Protein backbone atom coordinates (compact mmCIF):
# COMPACT_ATOMS: atom_id res chain seq x y z
CA UNK A 1 63.24 -16.44 29.57
CA UNK A 2 61.45 -15.47 26.36
CA UNK A 3 61.92 -11.99 24.98
CA UNK A 4 58.96 -9.70 24.49
CA UNK A 5 60.36 -7.63 21.66
CA UNK A 6 56.92 -7.15 20.30
CA UNK A 7 55.45 -5.96 17.11
CA UNK A 8 57.16 -6.25 13.79
CA UNK A 9 56.71 -3.07 11.80
CA UNK A 10 54.73 -2.67 8.64
CA UNK A 11 57.60 -3.35 6.22
CA UNK A 12 59.13 -6.26 8.10
CA UNK A 13 58.54 -9.55 6.28
CA UNK A 14 56.04 -11.87 7.92
CA UNK A 15 58.51 -14.72 7.42
CA UNK A 16 60.67 -13.25 10.19
CA UNK A 17 58.03 -13.95 12.82
CA UNK A 18 58.11 -17.75 12.87
CA UNK A 19 61.87 -18.15 13.51
CA UNK A 20 61.67 -15.57 16.29
CA UNK A 21 58.75 -17.39 17.91
CA UNK A 22 60.63 -20.67 17.65
CA UNK A 23 63.47 -18.97 19.56
CA UNK A 24 61.05 -18.03 22.34
CA UNK A 25 60.19 -14.48 21.38
CA UNK A 26 56.67 -13.16 21.93
CA UNK A 27 56.35 -11.42 18.59
CA UNK A 28 53.44 -10.41 16.38
CA UNK A 29 53.36 -8.96 12.90
CA UNK A 30 51.03 -6.04 12.28
CA UNK A 31 49.27 -8.12 9.62
CA UNK A 32 48.36 -10.77 12.20
CA UNK A 33 46.50 -8.25 14.34
CA UNK A 34 44.58 -6.53 11.56
CA UNK A 35 46.90 -3.52 11.35
CA UNK A 36 48.55 -4.08 7.96
CA UNK A 37 47.02 -0.83 6.68
CA UNK A 38 47.40 1.08 9.94
CA UNK A 39 49.29 4.34 10.07
CA UNK A 40 52.66 4.56 11.79
CA UNK A 41 50.97 6.48 14.62
CA UNK A 42 48.39 3.71 15.10
CA UNK A 43 51.12 1.05 15.20
CA UNK A 44 53.10 3.07 17.76
CA UNK A 45 49.98 3.57 19.87
CA UNK A 46 49.30 -0.18 19.81
CA UNK A 47 52.90 -0.98 20.77
CA UNK A 48 52.75 1.48 23.65
CA UNK A 49 49.43 0.11 24.97
CA UNK A 50 50.67 -3.49 24.72
CA UNK A 51 54.17 -2.73 26.10
CA UNK A 52 55.86 -3.95 22.93
CA UNK A 53 58.94 -2.94 21.00
CA UNK A 54 58.58 -2.01 17.32
CA UNK A 55 60.97 -3.64 14.88
CA UNK A 56 60.94 -1.74 11.62
CA UNK A 57 62.75 -0.80 8.44
CA UNK A 58 60.97 2.56 8.44
CA UNK A 59 62.81 5.68 9.68
CA UNK A 60 59.49 7.51 10.00
CA UNK A 61 58.74 5.72 13.28
CA UNK A 62 61.61 7.51 15.03
CA UNK A 63 60.64 10.88 13.57
CA UNK A 64 57.08 10.39 14.75
CA UNK A 65 58.22 9.65 18.30
CA UNK A 66 60.36 12.79 18.33
CA UNK A 67 57.61 14.99 16.91
CA UNK A 68 55.18 13.66 19.50
CA UNK A 69 57.74 14.16 22.32
CA UNK A 70 57.35 10.51 23.32
CA UNK A 71 59.89 8.07 24.71
CA UNK A 72 57.86 4.91 24.20
CA UNK A 73 57.53 2.44 22.68
CA UNK A 74 61.09 1.28 22.27
CA UNK A 75 62.16 0.62 18.73
CA UNK A 76 64.68 -1.33 16.68
CA UNK A 77 65.26 -0.01 13.21
CA UNK A 78 66.91 -2.35 10.73
CA UNK A 79 68.87 -0.30 8.21
CA UNK A 80 69.67 -3.10 5.76
CA UNK A 81 67.27 -2.67 2.89
CA UNK A 82 66.30 -5.80 0.99
CA UNK A 83 67.15 -8.09 3.90
CA UNK A 84 65.29 -11.38 3.49
CA UNK A 85 62.94 -12.57 6.25
CA UNK A 86 65.10 -15.40 7.57
CA UNK A 87 68.23 -13.23 7.47
CA UNK A 88 66.38 -10.55 9.45
CA UNK A 89 65.33 -13.06 12.09
CA UNK A 90 68.91 -14.38 12.29
CA UNK A 91 70.25 -10.85 12.66
CA UNK A 92 67.82 -10.05 15.47
CA UNK A 93 68.65 -13.30 17.26
CA UNK A 94 72.36 -12.56 16.94
CA UNK A 95 72.17 -8.99 18.28
CA UNK A 96 69.46 -9.66 20.89
CA UNK A 97 70.01 -13.22 22.17
CA UNK A 98 67.93 -14.96 24.82
């Protein structure tokens, strides 16, 4: 069963998307949907509407959810700065296997 982890956040490398798709994930990068310059709030609103999970390197996403008193969308924050795209995909696949 493919995962639907959802949108990759604005600082997640686009190179992470392909390996995740190959593993069966339904994932999109904000740049693929015309949101590369969108605000964090706009990305969160999109993820909520589309029932997606945000994967991000940006701590501001969590703060925004708290300040807006919202519980959705779900979020995965990667706290390893400088992580290369393939390594990020491998990490996600390891911690969130099919």
